[in-house]
Amino acid sequence: MSWMVALPAIDGREYVYRVRAPCDALPADLFWAAFHCHDDGPHPRASDHFDAALIWRAGRPEHT
């Protein structure tokens, strides 16, 4: 199953990552998977505040 995780960054943009995880994955685990993927990339620093992230199942309407 795929999840989408949107992380706001210091450049004012929002970066969205697809995270593959089971349907019972914990939101915190999804957040950290996306955050570490972002950290390894070339983009400006993302917010490490969990409450700032949006997490939803891929293919479903966005929700937090």
C-alpha atoms as a PDB file:
ATOM      1  CA  MET A   1       0.000   0.000   0.000  1.00  0.00           C
ATOM      2  CA  SER A   2       1.148   3.538  -0.690  1.00  0.00           C
ATOM      3  CA  TRP A   3       0.780   6.606   1.472  1.00  0.00           C
ATOM      4  CA  MET A   4       1.381  10.230   0.537  1.00  0.00           C
ATOM      5  CA  VAL A   5       3.159  12.520   2.987  1.00  0.00           C
ATOM      6  CA  ALA A   6       3.366  16.276   2.390  1.00  0.00           C
ATOM      7  CA  LEU A   7       6.106  18.149   4.234  1.00  0.00           C
ATOM      8  CA  PRO A   8       6.376  21.945   4.326  1.00  0.00           C
ATOM      9  CA  ALA A   9       9.927  23.269   3.830  1.00  0.00           C
ATOM     10  CA  ILE A  10      11.723  26.477   4.747  1.00  0.00           C
ATOM     11  CA  ASP A  11      11.548  27.707   1.147  1.00  0.00           C
ATOM     12  CA  GLY A  12       7.743  27.973   1.486  1.00  0.00           C
ATOM     13  CA  ARG A  13       7.070  24.992  -0.748  1.00  0.00           C
ATOM     14  CA  GLU A  14       5.423  21.709   0.154  1.00  0.00           C
ATOM     15  CA  TYR A  15       7.169  18.505  -0.898  1.00  0.00           C
ATOM     16  CA  VAL A  16       5.101  15.329  -1.273  1.00  0.00           C
ATOM     17  CA  TYR A  17       6.554  11.843  -0.906  1.00  0.00           C
ATOM     18  CA  ARG A  18       5.087   8.423  -1.634  1.00  0.00           C
ATOM     19  CA  VAL A  19       5.824   6.008   1.203  1.00  0.00           C
ATOM     20  CA  ARG A  20       5.178   2.290   0.770  1.00  0.00           C
ATOM     21  CA  ALA A  21       3.900   0.795   4.014  1.00  0.00           C
ATOM     22  CA  PRO A  22       1.156  -1.540   5.256  1.00  0.00           C
ATOM     23  CA  CYS A  23      -2.362  -0.180   5.779  1.00  0.00           C
ATOM     24  CA  ASP A  24      -1.894  -0.329   9.559  1.00  0.00           C
ATOM     25  CA  ALA A  25       1.311   1.741   9.521  1.00  0.00           C
ATOM     26  CA  LEU A  26       1.617   4.342  12.239  1.00  0.00           C
ATOM     27  CA  PRO A  27       1.433   7.961  11.064  1.00  0.00           C
ATOM     28  CA  ALA A  28       4.683   8.744  12.890  1.00  0.00           C
ATOM     29  CA  ASP A  29       6.500   6.017  10.959  1.00  0.00           C
ATOM     30  CA  LEU A  30       5.159   7.389   7.674  1.00  0.00           C
ATOM     31  CA  PHE A  31       6.241  10.899   8.654  1.00  0.00           C
ATOM     32  CA  TRP A  32       9.794   9.858   9.534  1.00  0.00           C
ATOM     33  CA  ALA A  33      10.163   7.789   6.358  1.00  0.00           C
ATOM     34  CA  ALA A  34       9.241  10.834   4.255  1.00  0.00           C
ATOM     35  CA  PHE A  35      11.321  13.210   6.387  1.00  0.00           C
ATOM     36  CA  HIS A  36      14.466  11.099   6.026  1.00  0.00           C
ATOM     37  CA  CYS A  37      13.885  10.740   2.288  1.00  0.00           C
ATOM     38  CA  HIS A  38      13.615  14.539   2.047  1.00  0.00           C
ATOM     39  CA  ASP A  39      16.720  15.031   4.192  1.00  0.00           C
ATOM     40  CA  ASP A  40      18.725  12.830   1.824  1.00  0.00           C
ATOM     41  CA  GLY A  41      17.635  14.867  -1.203  1.00  0.00           C
ATOM     42  CA  PRO A  42      18.748  18.220  -2.600  1.00  0.00           C
ATOM     43  CA  HIS A  43      15.779  20.240  -1.308  1.00  0.00           C
ATOM     44  CA  PRO A  44      15.771  22.903   1.453  1.00  0.00           C
ATOM     45  CA  ARG A  45      15.164  21.700   4.991  1.00  0.00           C
ATOM     46  CA  ALA A  46      11.678  20.347   5.719  1.00  0.00           C
ATOM     47  CA  SER A  47       9.794  21.024   8.917  1.00  0.00           C
ATOM     48  CA  ASP A  48      10.367  18.306  11.489  1.00  0.00           C
ATOM     49  CA  HIS A  49       7.067  19.114  13.223  1.00  0.00           C
ATOM     50  CA  PHE A  50       4.799  16.107  12.901  1.00  0.00           C
ATOM     51  CA  ASP A  51       1.670  18.279  13.102  1.00  0.00           C
ATOM     52  CA  ALA A  52       2.774  20.239  10.018  1.00  0.00           C
ATOM     53  CA  ALA A  53       2.696  17.131   7.793  1.00  0.00           C
ATOM     54  CA  LEU A  54      -0.314  15.947   5.820  1.00  0.00           C
ATOM     55  CA  ILE A  55      -0.660  12.172   5.463  1.00  0.00           C
ATOM     56  CA  TRP A  56      -3.177  10.304   3.324  1.00  0.00           C
ATOM     57  CA  ARG A  57      -3.549   7.035   1.435  1.00  0.00           C
ATOM     58  CA  ALA A  58      -2.597   7.271  -2.212  1.00  0.00           C
ATOM     59  CA  GLY A  59      -5.699   7.261  -4.389  1.00  0.00           C
ATOM     60  CA  ARG A  60      -7.977   8.597  -1.658  1.00  0.00           C
ATOM     61  CA  PRO A  61      -9.015  12.181  -0.887  1.00  0.00           C
ATOM     62  CA  GLU A  62      -6.450  14.101   1.148  1.00  0.00           C
ATOM     63  CA  HIS A  63      -6.867  14.148   4.921  1.00  0.00           C
ATOM     64  CA  THR A  64      -4.669  14.524   7.996  1.00  0.00           C
END
